[in-house]
Structure formats: structure tokens, C-alpha cells
Amino acid sequence: MDARLSAGRAGRYARPAAHERHAGTIPAVPDIISGLRCRAYTFVTVSRLMAPAKPRPGEVHRL
């Protein structure tokens, strides 16, 4: 995974997906986070993003 490419694709309401089964993913995460923070991105948990809703497994949620 190329950290610059991943960070460069981020946009409003972005939810970057990375899968640990790919060899380069885990080593790239610190650079992706750093790059996005430099661009003033804020990281939140899914629960915080969905609040005040209480998401339940199997339901479709729209932001």
C-alpha cells in the first residue's frame, strides 16, 4: 500500500479501507494517518460518527 496514494484519495466523508492481509497495509498506516492529519483531517470512532444514533449490526445507515 502506498501511503501517499491512500492519503491523496481521501475526501469529505472519506472512510479509507485497508485490509491487513495485504503486506504493505500495516506498515503504511502511520504515514497515512500523519499525512491526513497534516491536511487537517480529524479521526473519530464509528460510534462517535453515528451519534446520537445507536447502530445495530445488519442495519443500513446513511450519513
C-alpha atoms as a PDB file:
ATOM      1  CA  MET A   1       0.000   0.000   0.000  1.00  0.00           C
ATOM      2  CA  ASP A   2       1.304   3.427  -0.898  1.00  0.00           C
ATOM      3  CA  ALA A   3       0.609   5.830   1.976  1.00  0.00           C
ATOM      4  CA  ARG A   4       0.750   8.890  -0.277  1.00  0.00           C
ATOM      5  CA  LEU A   5      -1.745   7.383  -2.697  1.00  0.00           C
ATOM      6  CA  SER A   6      -4.148   6.402   0.086  1.00  0.00           C
ATOM      7  CA  ALA A   7      -4.000   9.807   1.767  1.00  0.00           C
ATOM      8  CA  GLY A   8      -4.324  11.527  -1.603  1.00  0.00           C
ATOM      9  CA  ARG A   9      -7.610   9.748  -2.337  1.00  0.00           C
ATOM     10  CA  ALA A  10      -9.235  10.903   0.891  1.00  0.00           C
ATOM     11  CA  GLY A  11     -12.096  13.323   0.518  1.00  0.00           C
ATOM     12  CA  ARG A  12     -15.017  14.667   2.506  1.00  0.00           C
ATOM     13  CA  TYR A  13     -16.689  11.875   4.472  1.00  0.00           C
ATOM     14  CA  ALA A  14     -13.910   9.510   3.447  1.00  0.00           C
ATOM     15  CA  ARG A  15     -13.721   6.137   5.100  1.00  0.00           C
ATOM     16  CA  PRO A  16     -10.470   4.690   3.842  1.00  0.00           C
ATOM     17  CA  ALA A  17     -10.471   0.906   3.846  1.00  0.00           C
ATOM     18  CA  ALA A  18      -7.288  -1.032   4.360  1.00  0.00           C
ATOM     19  CA  HIS A  19      -7.012  -4.763   4.788  1.00  0.00           C
ATOM     20  CA  GLU A  20      -4.298  -6.227   6.967  1.00  0.00           C
ATOM     21  CA  ARG A  21      -3.990  -9.294   4.752  1.00  0.00           C
ATOM     22  CA  HIS A  22      -2.096  -7.145   2.244  1.00  0.00           C
ATOM     23  CA  ALA A  23       1.585  -6.998   3.172  1.00  0.00           C
ATOM     24  CA  GLY A  24       2.056  -3.235   2.932  1.00  0.00           C
ATOM     25  CA  THR A  25      -1.048  -2.128   4.813  1.00  0.00           C
ATOM     26  CA  ILE A  26       0.074  -2.186   8.440  1.00  0.00           C
ATOM     27  CA  PRO A  27       3.457  -0.526   7.803  1.00  0.00           C
ATOM     28  CA  ALA A  28       1.695   2.219   5.776  1.00  0.00           C
ATOM     29  CA  VAL A  29      -0.864   3.182   8.457  1.00  0.00           C
ATOM     30  CA  PRO A  30       1.332   5.631  10.442  1.00  0.00           C
ATOM     31  CA  ASP A  31       2.226   7.552   7.263  1.00  0.00           C
ATOM     32  CA  ILE A  32      -1.410   7.606   6.107  1.00  0.00           C
ATOM     33  CA  ILE A  33      -2.565   8.996   9.461  1.00  0.00           C
ATOM     34  CA  SER A  34       0.249  11.535   9.554  1.00  0.00           C
ATOM     35  CA  GLY A  35      -0.499  12.687   6.008  1.00  0.00           C
ATOM     36  CA  LEU A  36      -4.185  13.103   6.714  1.00  0.00           C
ATOM     37  CA  ARG A  37      -3.562  14.967   9.983  1.00  0.00           C
ATOM     38  CA  CYS A  38      -1.316  17.384   8.056  1.00  0.00           C
ATOM     39  CA  ARG A  39      -4.336  18.042   5.843  1.00  0.00           C
ATOM     40  CA  ALA A  40      -6.448  18.825   8.963  1.00  0.00           C
ATOM     41  CA  TYR A  41      -8.417  15.575   8.960  1.00  0.00           C
ATOM     42  CA  THR A  42      -9.976  14.526  12.247  1.00  0.00           C
ATOM     43  CA  PHE A  43     -10.266  10.883  13.261  1.00  0.00           C
ATOM     44  CA  VAL A  44     -13.334   9.615  15.091  1.00  0.00           C
ATOM     45  CA  THR A  45     -14.759   6.234  16.010  1.00  0.00           C
ATOM     46  CA  VAL A  46     -17.771   4.888  14.123  1.00  0.00           C
ATOM     47  CA  SER A  47     -19.858   5.249  17.306  1.00  0.00           C
ATOM     48  CA  ARG A  48     -18.977   8.936  17.557  1.00  0.00           C
ATOM     49  CA  LEU A  49     -19.621   9.451  13.862  1.00  0.00           C
ATOM     50  CA  MET A  50     -23.086   7.901  14.136  1.00  0.00           C
ATOM     51  CA  ALA A  51     -24.089   9.615  17.424  1.00  0.00           C
ATOM     52  CA  PRO A  52     -26.721  10.061  18.662  1.00  0.00           C
ATOM     53  CA  ALA A  53     -27.910   7.035  16.682  1.00  0.00           C
ATOM     54  CA  LYS A  54     -27.205   3.591  18.097  1.00  0.00           C
ATOM     55  CA  PRO A  55     -26.120   1.492  15.098  1.00  0.00           C
ATOM     56  CA  ARG A  56     -27.036  -2.171  15.200  1.00  0.00           C
ATOM     57  CA  PRO A  57     -25.460  -4.976  13.181  1.00  0.00           C
ATOM     58  CA  GLY A  58     -27.296  -5.789   9.984  1.00  0.00           C
ATOM     59  CA  GLU A  59     -28.871  -2.346   9.544  1.00  0.00           C
ATOM     60  CA  VAL A  60     -28.029   0.085   6.761  1.00  0.00           C
ATOM     61  CA  HIS A  61     -27.083   3.567   7.948  1.00  0.00           C
ATOM     62  CA  ARG A  62     -26.719   6.679   5.858  1.00  0.00           C
ATOM     63  CA  LEU A  63     -24.680   9.690   6.920  1.00  0.00           C
END
